[in-house]
């Protein structure tokens, strides 16, 4: 008996039942990722797909693991579990309950496993390039600020780029404030309330998706390239 079949027998579930559950998890992940513009999917949501009809404690992990394998082998997608990001602020600084729950929940995002040149040629949507650029710039600003930045300071830098908080109809990004808030929903940033000398203020901090290896490495490489170019320009001048 194969290891997979033995595992199923221990879980008291047939291959057909298991395949049905794996298919449901895969469909949910693909649909939800598209519907919510890449926002992370909570592990609890995937677990509930299994537990609504089955009570075996180990079954959700088994099904999610097989869904990961099939997403990789069939679709070339990695179902990556995000490393939970905790606010660096002291515990006596208040946060909203919804923000705390978002930071504490285990969640997943889909990451393409295709080589960068293949992805750009066959998959990448040129219509999303401005949003990707905006995301990258904001993450870079926060990174250069040490991983967190007061909301007022972040908007100061964005204003210098011609992006205004009150602009609700930017020709490319639409509502700028909502575009920034989307980065919080997608877990590139987390927004914390801080009790400072001037009262309650908001601070943006890099969240788990921005701290994840591939994204973090690209940001650091991009910043290094800019520094090298500026250094070369100064030497020539």
C-alpha atoms as a PDB file:
ATOM      1  CA  UNK A   1       0.000   0.000   0.000  1.00  0.00           C
ATOM      2  CA  UNK A   2       1.336   3.464  -0.901  1.00  0.00           C
ATOM      3  CA  UNK A   3       2.029   6.014   1.825  1.00  0.00           C
ATOM      4  CA  UNK A   4      -0.810   8.244   0.585  1.00  0.00           C
ATOM      5  CA  UNK A   5      -3.325   5.409   0.634  1.00  0.00           C
ATOM      6  CA  UNK A   6      -2.161   4.380   4.100  1.00  0.00           C
ATOM      7  CA  UNK A   7      -2.669   7.929   5.325  1.00  0.00           C
ATOM      8  CA  UNK A   8      -6.181   7.955   3.930  1.00  0.00           C
ATOM      9  CA  UNK A   9      -7.050   4.683   5.619  1.00  0.00           C
ATOM     10  CA  UNK A  10      -5.929   6.125   8.926  1.00  0.00           C
ATOM     11  CA  UNK A  11      -8.142   9.135   8.311  1.00  0.00           C
ATOM     12  CA  UNK A  12     -11.046   6.864   7.364  1.00  0.00           C
ATOM     13  CA  UNK A  13     -11.697   8.590   4.053  1.00  0.00           C
ATOM     14  CA  UNK A  14     -11.722   7.277   0.483  1.00  0.00           C
ATOM     15  CA  UNK A  15      -9.508   8.477  -2.366  1.00  0.00           C
ATOM     16  CA  UNK A  16     -12.586   9.862  -4.129  1.00  0.00           C
ATOM     17  CA  UNK A  17     -13.626  11.867  -1.067  1.00  0.00           C
ATOM     18  CA  UNK A  18     -10.100  13.181  -0.621  1.00  0.00           C
ATOM     19  CA  UNK A  19      -9.818  14.214  -4.282  1.00  0.00           C
ATOM     20  CA  UNK A  20     -13.152  16.040  -4.055  1.00  0.00           C
ATOM     21  CA  UNK A  21     -11.965  18.008  -1.019  1.00  0.00           C
ATOM     22  CA  UNK A  22      -8.624  18.845  -2.632  1.00  0.00           C
ATOM     23  CA  UNK A  23     -10.458  20.079  -5.737  1.00  0.00           C
ATOM     24  CA  UNK A  24     -12.741  22.265  -3.624  1.00  0.00           C
ATOM     25  CA  UNK A  25      -9.753  23.818  -1.830  1.00  0.00           C
ATOM     26  CA  UNK A  26      -7.960  24.511  -5.127  1.00  0.00           C
ATOM     27  CA  UNK A  27     -11.053  26.100  -6.700  1.00  0.00           C
ATOM     28  CA  UNK A  28     -11.593  28.245  -3.615  1.00  0.00           C
ATOM     29  CA  UNK A  29      -7.977  29.452  -3.582  1.00  0.00           C
ATOM     30  CA  UNK A  30      -7.963  30.336  -7.284  1.00  0.00           C
ATOM     31  CA  UNK A  31     -11.357  32.070  -7.174  1.00  0.00           C
ATOM     32  CA  UNK A  32     -10.701  33.977  -3.945  1.00  0.00           C
ATOM     33  CA  UNK A  33      -7.275  35.160  -5.103  1.00  0.00           C
ATOM     34  CA  UNK A  34      -8.795  36.556  -8.299  1.00  0.00           C
ATOM     35  CA  UNK A  35     -11.857  38.005  -6.582  1.00  0.00           C
ATOM     36  CA  UNK A  36      -9.906  39.774  -3.805  1.00  0.00           C
ATOM     37  CA  UNK A  37      -6.975  41.031  -5.900  1.00  0.00           C
ATOM     38  CA  UNK A  38      -4.448  38.754  -4.268  1.00  0.00           C
ATOM     39  CA  UNK A  39      -5.412  39.365  -0.636  1.00  0.00           C
ATOM     40  CA  UNK A  40      -4.207  36.550   1.637  1.00  0.00           C
ATOM     41  CA  UNK A  41      -6.566  33.672   2.313  1.00  0.00           C
ATOM     42  CA  UNK A  42      -6.914  32.638   5.931  1.00  0.00           C
ATOM     43  CA  UNK A  43      -6.095  29.043   6.765  1.00  0.00           C
ATOM     44  CA  UNK A  44      -9.356  28.948   8.706  1.00  0.00           C
ATOM     45  CA  UNK A  45     -11.284  29.442   5.445  1.00  0.00           C
ATOM     46  CA  UNK A  46      -9.616  26.413   3.856  1.00  0.00           C
ATOM     47  CA  UNK A  47     -10.057  24.343   6.997  1.00  0.00           C
ATOM     48  CA  UNK A  48     -13.790  25.055   7.021  1.00  0.00           C
ATOM     49  CA  UNK A  49     -14.134  23.579   3.514  1.00  0.00           C
ATOM     50  CA  UNK A  50     -13.037  20.250   4.997  1.00  0.00           C
ATOM     51  CA  UNK A  51     -14.634  20.407   8.432  1.00  0.00           C
ATOM     52  CA  UNK A  52     -18.122  21.289   7.216  1.00  0.00           C
ATOM     53  CA  UNK A  53     -18.669  17.577   6.450  1.00  0.00           C
ATOM     54  CA  UNK A  54     -15.734  15.808   8.130  1.00  0.00           C
ATOM     55  CA  UNK A  55     -14.539  15.797  11.725  1.00  0.00           C
ATOM     56  CA  UNK A  56     -11.149  14.065  11.456  1.00  0.00           C
ATOM     57  CA  UNK A  57      -8.679  16.384  13.184  1.00  0.00           C
ATOM     58  CA  UNK A  58      -5.739  15.708  10.856  1.00  0.00           C
ATOM     59  CA  UNK A  59      -7.741  15.858   7.616  1.00  0.00           C
ATOM     60  CA  UNK A  60      -7.578  19.634   6.903  1.00  0.00           C
ATOM     61  CA  UNK A  61      -3.772  19.665   7.034  1.00  0.00           C
ATOM     62  CA  UNK A  62      -3.644  16.567   4.795  1.00  0.00           C
ATOM     63  CA  UNK A  63      -5.984  18.094   2.200  1.00  0.00           C
ATOM     64  CA  UNK A  64      -4.285  21.511   2.200  1.00  0.00           C
ATOM     65  CA  UNK A  65      -0.890  19.875   1.770  1.00  0.00           C
ATOM     66  CA  UNK A  66      -2.080  17.897  -1.258  1.00  0.00           C
ATOM     67  CA  UNK A  67      -3.714  21.032  -2.684  1.00  0.00           C
ATOM     68  CA  UNK A  68      -0.304  22.716  -2.412  1.00  0.00           C
ATOM     69  CA  UNK A  69       1.318  19.907  -4.368  1.00  0.00           C
ATOM     70  CA  UNK A  70      -1.290  19.983  -7.140  1.00  0.00           C
ATOM     71  CA  UNK A  71      -1.237  23.776  -7.439  1.00  0.00           C
ATOM     72  CA  UNK A  72       2.511  23.504  -7.964  1.00  0.00           C
ATOM     73  CA  UNK A  73       2.549  20.575 -10.395  1.00  0.00           C
ATOM     74  CA  UNK A  74      -0.508  21.566 -12.453  1.00  0.00           C
ATOM     75  CA  UNK A  75      -0.673  25.372 -12.284  1.00  0.00           C
ATOM     76  CA  UNK A  76       2.926  26.307 -11.472  1.00  0.00           C
ATOM     77  CA  UNK A  77       1.755  28.153  -8.365  1.00  0.00           C
ATOM     78  CA  UNK A  78       3.108  28.024  -4.837  1.00  0.00           C
ATOM     79  CA  UNK A  79       0.572  28.231  -2.031  1.00  0.00           C
ATOM     80  CA  UNK A  80       2.862  30.071   0.351  1.00  0.00           C
ATOM     81  CA  UNK A  81       2.064  30.388   4.047  1.00  0.00           C
ATOM     82  CA  UNK A  82       2.829  33.894   5.232  1.00  0.00           C
ATOM     83  CA  UNK A  83       5.058  34.322   8.234  1.00  0.00           C
ATOM     84  CA  UNK A  84       2.972  36.214  10.742  1.00  0.00           C
ATOM     85  CA  UNK A  85       4.175  39.748  11.360  1.00  0.00           C
ATOM     86  CA  UNK A  86       3.857  41.289  14.816  1.00  0.00           C
ATOM     87  CA  UNK A  87       3.802  45.074  15.276  1.00  0.00           C
ATOM     88  CA  UNK A  88       7.110  46.333  16.643  1.00  0.00           C
ATOM     89  CA  UNK A  89       5.316  48.924  18.775  1.00  0.00           C
ATOM     90  CA  UNK A  90       5.200  48.455  22.574  1.00  0.00           C
ATOM     91  CA  UNK A  91       2.267  46.497  23.907  1.00  0.00           C
ATOM     92  CA  UNK A  92       0.741  49.568  25.549  1.00  0.00           C
ATOM     93  CA  UNK A  93       0.195  51.140  22.155  1.00  0.00           C
ATOM     94  CA  UNK A  94      -3.313  50.427  20.962  1.00  0.00           C
ATOM     95  CA  UNK A  95      -4.358  48.769  17.729  1.00  0.00           C
ATOM     96  CA  UNK A  96      -7.749  48.052  16.333  1.00  0.00           C
ATOM     97  CA  UNK A  97      -9.063  44.532  16.904  1.00  0.00           C
ATOM     98  CA  UNK A  98      -9.413  43.917  13.179  1.00  0.00           C
ATOM     99  CA  UNK A  99      -5.756  44.794  12.581  1.00  0.00           C
ATOM    100  CA  UNK A 100      -4.652  42.491  15.386  1.00  0.00           C
ATOM    101  CA  UNK A 101      -6.708  39.612  13.991  1.00  0.00           C
ATOM    102  CA  UNK A 102      -5.280  40.181  10.513  1.00  0.00           C
ATOM    103  CA  UNK A 103      -1.738  40.000  11.867  1.00  0.00           C
ATOM    104  CA  UNK A 104      -2.356  36.938  14.022  1.00  0.00           C
ATOM    105  CA  UNK A 105      -4.183  34.697  11.519  1.00  0.00           C
ATOM    106  CA  UNK A 106      -2.286  32.106   9.489  1.00  0.00           C
ATOM    107  CA  UNK A 107      -2.849  32.818   5.834  1.00  0.00           C
ATOM    108  CA  UNK A 108      -1.742  31.914   2.307  1.00  0.00           C
ATOM    109  CA  UNK A 109      -0.978  33.694  -0.955  1.00  0.00           C
ATOM    110  CA  UNK A 110      -0.366  32.295  -4.442  1.00  0.00           C
ATOM    111  CA  UNK A 111       3.103  32.893  -5.882  1.00  0.00           C
ATOM    112  CA  UNK A 112       4.041  32.051  -9.474  1.00  0.00           C
ATOM    113  CA  UNK A 113       6.849  29.522  -9.812  1.00  0.00           C
ATOM    114  CA  UNK A 114       7.501  30.429 -13.451  1.00  0.00           C
ATOM    115  CA  UNK A 115      10.850  31.986 -14.411  1.00  0.00           C
ATOM    116  CA  UNK A 116      10.641  35.788 -14.453  1.00  0.00           C
ATOM    117  CA  UNK A 117      11.101  36.083 -18.238  1.00  0.00           C
ATOM    118  CA  UNK A 118       8.409  33.477 -18.946  1.00  0.00           C
ATOM    119  CA  UNK A 119       6.011  35.111 -16.487  1.00  0.00           C
ATOM    120  CA  UNK A 120       6.503  38.539 -18.093  1.00  0.00           C
ATOM    121  CA  UNK A 121       5.951  37.157 -21.605  1.00  0.00           C
ATOM    122  CA  UNK A 122       2.952  34.901 -21.065  1.00  0.00           C
ATOM    123  CA  UNK A 123       1.257  35.798 -17.770  1.00  0.00           C
ATOM    124  CA  UNK A 124       1.925  39.349 -16.638  1.00  0.00           C
ATOM    125  CA  UNK A 125      -0.911  41.791 -17.278  1.00  0.00           C
ATOM    126  CA  UNK A 126       0.433  45.144 -18.478  1.00  0.00           C
ATOM    127  CA  UNK A 127      -2.692  46.806 -17.068  1.00  0.00           C
ATOM    128  CA  UNK A 128      -1.585  45.962 -13.531  1.00  0.00           C
ATOM    129  CA  UNK A 129       1.939  47.370 -13.967  1.00  0.00           C
ATOM    130  CA  UNK A 130       1.104  50.797 -12.412  1.00  0.00           C
ATOM    131  CA  UNK A 131      -0.334  49.135  -9.295  1.00  0.00           C
ATOM    132  CA  UNK A 132       2.719  46.884  -9.038  1.00  0.00           C
ATOM    133  CA  UNK A 133       4.965  49.934  -9.363  1.00  0.00           C
ATOM    134  CA  UNK A 134       3.015  51.807  -6.685  1.00  0.00           C
ATOM    135  CA  UNK A 135       3.286  48.803  -4.358  1.00  0.00           C
ATOM    136  CA  UNK A 136       7.016  48.546  -4.920  1.00  0.00           C
ATOM    137  CA  UNK A 137       7.597  52.260  -4.325  1.00  0.00           C
ATOM    138  CA  UNK A 138       5.592  52.334  -1.088  1.00  0.00           C
ATOM    139  CA  UNK A 139       7.368  49.239   0.264  1.00  0.00           C
ATOM    140  CA  UNK A 140      10.726  50.809  -0.648  1.00  0.00           C
ATOM    141  CA  UNK A 141       9.873  54.038   1.182  1.00  0.00           C
ATOM    142  CA  UNK A 142       8.890  52.165   4.332  1.00  0.00           C
ATOM    143  CA  UNK A 143      11.958  49.924   4.040  1.00  0.00           C
ATOM    144  CA  UNK A 144      14.277  52.943   3.794  1.00  0.00           C
ATOM    145  CA  UNK A 145      12.546  54.454   6.826  1.00  0.00           C
ATOM    146  CA  UNK A 146      13.633  51.444   8.878  1.00  0.00           C
ATOM    147  CA  UNK A 147      10.602  49.229   8.400  1.00  0.00           C
ATOM    148  CA  UNK A 148       8.004  51.629   9.750  1.00  0.00           C
ATOM    149  CA  UNK A 149       6.978  55.208   9.049  1.00  0.00           C
ATOM    150  CA  UNK A 150       4.379  57.662  10.416  1.00  0.00           C
ATOM    151  CA  UNK A 151       1.423  58.083   8.077  1.00  0.00           C
ATOM    152  CA  UNK A 152       2.117  61.808   7.733  1.00  0.00           C
ATOM    153  CA  UNK A 153       5.700  61.151   6.601  1.00  0.00           C
ATOM    154  CA  UNK A 154       4.627  58.521   4.098  1.00  0.00           C
ATOM    155  CA  UNK A 155       2.152  60.902   2.500  1.00  0.00           C
ATOM    156  CA  UNK A 156       4.867  63.572   2.409  1.00  0.00           C
ATOM    157  CA  UNK A 157       7.015  61.303   0.234  1.00  0.00           C
ATOM    158  CA  UNK A 158       4.063  60.294  -1.945  1.00  0.00           C
ATOM    159  CA  UNK A 159       3.081  63.947  -2.390  1.00  0.00           C
ATOM    160  CA  UNK A 160       6.547  64.662  -3.763  1.00  0.00           C
ATOM    161  CA  UNK A 161       5.753  62.057  -6.434  1.00  0.00           C
ATOM    162  CA  UNK A 162       2.492  63.802  -7.309  1.00  0.00           C
ATOM    163  CA  UNK A 163       0.272  61.378  -5.359  1.00  0.00           C
ATOM    164  CA  UNK A 164      -2.204  63.178  -3.121  1.00  0.00           C
ATOM    165  CA  UNK A 165      -4.294  61.600  -0.364  1.00  0.00           C
ATOM    166  CA  UNK A 166      -7.352  63.577  -1.467  1.00  0.00           C
ATOM    167  CA  UNK A 167      -7.082  62.459  -5.101  1.00  0.00           C
ATOM    168  CA  UNK A 168      -9.999  60.112  -5.726  1.00  0.00           C
ATOM    169  CA  UNK A 169      -9.636  59.914  -9.490  1.00  0.00           C
ATOM    170  CA  UNK A 170      -5.987  59.453 -10.373  1.00  0.00           C
ATOM    171  CA  UNK A 171      -5.805  58.556 -14.100  1.00  0.00           C
ATOM    172  CA  UNK A 172      -3.928  55.322 -13.376  1.00  0.00           C
ATOM    173  CA  UNK A 173      -4.347  54.401  -9.703  1.00  0.00           C
ATOM    174  CA  UNK A 174      -7.850  55.757  -9.102  1.00  0.00           C
ATOM    175  CA  UNK A 175      -8.431  56.624  -5.456  1.00  0.00           C
ATOM    176  CA  UNK A 176      -4.921  57.019  -4.001  1.00  0.00           C
ATOM    177  CA  UNK A 177      -6.008  56.573  -0.392  1.00  0.00           C
ATOM    178  CA  UNK A 178      -7.814  53.338  -1.289  1.00  0.00           C
ATOM    179  CA  UNK A 179      -4.767  52.159  -3.265  1.00  0.00           C
ATOM    180  CA  UNK A 180      -2.672  52.535  -0.112  1.00  0.00           C
ATOM    181  CA  UNK A 181      -5.314  50.843   2.027  1.00  0.00           C
ATOM    182  CA  UNK A 182      -5.311  47.916  -0.426  1.00  0.00           C
ATOM    183  CA  UNK A 183      -1.668  47.289   0.505  1.00  0.00           C
ATOM    184  CA  UNK A 184      -2.807  46.823   4.103  1.00  0.00           C
ATOM    185  CA  UNK A 185      -5.521  44.386   3.043  1.00  0.00           C
ATOM    186  CA  UNK A 186      -3.003  42.481   0.928  1.00  0.00           C
ATOM    187  CA  UNK A 187      -0.618  42.354   3.917  1.00  0.00           C
ATOM    188  CA  UNK A 188       2.243  44.263   2.336  1.00  0.00           C
ATOM    189  CA  UNK A 189       1.738  46.819   5.113  1.00  0.00           C
ATOM    190  CA  UNK A 190       0.067  46.924   8.483  1.00  0.00           C
ATOM    191  CA  UNK A 191      -1.328  50.109   9.960  1.00  0.00           C
ATOM    192  CA  UNK A 192      -1.025  50.574  13.713  1.00  0.00           C
ATOM    193  CA  UNK A 193      -2.380  53.227  16.048  1.00  0.00           C
ATOM    194  CA  UNK A 194       0.321  54.719  18.273  1.00  0.00           C
ATOM    195  CA  UNK A 195      -0.220  56.839  21.364  1.00  0.00           C
ATOM    196  CA  UNK A 196       2.474  59.542  21.110  1.00  0.00           C
ATOM    197  CA  UNK A 197       3.152  63.009  22.545  1.00  0.00           C
ATOM    198  CA  UNK A 198       0.612  64.549  20.181  1.00  0.00           C
ATOM    199  CA  UNK A 199      -2.064  61.928  20.828  1.00  0.00           C
ATOM    200  CA  UNK A 200      -3.060  58.977  18.679  1.00  0.00           C
ATOM    201  CA  UNK A 201      -1.239  58.760  15.354  1.00  0.00           C
ATOM    202  CA  UNK A 202      -1.052  56.110  12.623  1.00  0.00           C
ATOM    203  CA  UNK A 203       2.127  54.286  11.676  1.00  0.00           C
ATOM    204  CA  UNK A 204       2.647  52.083   8.625  1.00  0.00           C
ATOM    205  CA  UNK A 205       4.895  49.075   9.069  1.00  0.00           C
ATOM    206  CA  UNK A 206       6.094  46.363   6.694  1.00  0.00           C
ATOM    207  CA  UNK A 207       3.855  43.304   7.016  1.00  0.00           C
ATOM    208  CA  UNK A 208       4.604  39.651   6.317  1.00  0.00           C
ATOM    209  CA  UNK A 209       4.149  39.803   2.563  1.00  0.00           C
ATOM    210  CA  UNK A 210       6.685  42.633   2.180  1.00  0.00           C
ATOM    211  CA  UNK A 211       9.058  40.838   4.555  1.00  0.00           C
ATOM    212  CA  UNK A 212       8.788  37.583   2.609  1.00  0.00           C
ATOM    213  CA  UNK A 213      12.056  36.581   0.968  1.00  0.00           C
ATOM    214  CA  UNK A 214      11.357  37.163  -2.757  1.00  0.00           C
ATOM    215  CA  UNK A 215       9.731  40.584  -2.276  1.00  0.00           C
ATOM    216  CA  UNK A 216      12.249  41.763   0.311  1.00  0.00           C
ATOM    217  CA  UNK A 217      15.192  40.669  -1.851  1.00  0.00           C
ATOM    218  CA  UNK A 218      13.817  42.515  -4.906  1.00  0.00           C
ATOM    219  CA  UNK A 219      13.349  45.712  -2.892  1.00  0.00           C
ATOM    220  CA  UNK A 220      16.891  45.548  -1.513  1.00  0.00           C
ATOM    221  CA  UNK A 221      18.335  44.860  -4.973  1.00  0.00           C
ATOM    222  CA  UNK A 222      16.387  47.760  -6.487  1.00  0.00           C
ATOM    223  CA  UNK A 223      17.597  50.151  -3.786  1.00  0.00           C
ATOM    224  CA  UNK A 224      21.180  48.926  -4.254  1.00  0.00           C
ATOM    225  CA  UNK A 225      20.970  49.618  -7.987  1.00  0.00           C
ATOM    226  CA  UNK A 226      19.766  53.174  -7.344  1.00  0.00           C
ATOM    227  CA  UNK A 227      22.566  53.787  -4.844  1.00  0.00           C
ATOM    228  CA  UNK A 228      25.177  52.451  -7.295  1.00  0.00           C
ATOM    229  CA  UNK A 229      23.826  54.629 -10.108  1.00  0.00           C
ATOM    230  CA  UNK A 230      23.793  57.750  -7.913  1.00  0.00           C
ATOM    231  CA  UNK A 231      27.322  57.029  -6.725  1.00  0.00           C
ATOM    232  CA  UNK A 232      28.544  56.588 -10.299  1.00  0.00           C
ATOM    233  CA  UNK A 233      26.805  59.829 -11.346  1.00  0.00           C
ATOM    234  CA  UNK A 234      28.501  61.785  -8.527  1.00  0.00           C
ATOM    235  CA  UNK A 235      31.919  60.362  -9.447  1.00  0.00           C
ATOM    236  CA  UNK A 236      31.459  61.308 -13.112  1.00  0.00           C
ATOM    237  CA  UNK A 237      30.243  64.783 -12.202  1.00  0.00           C
END
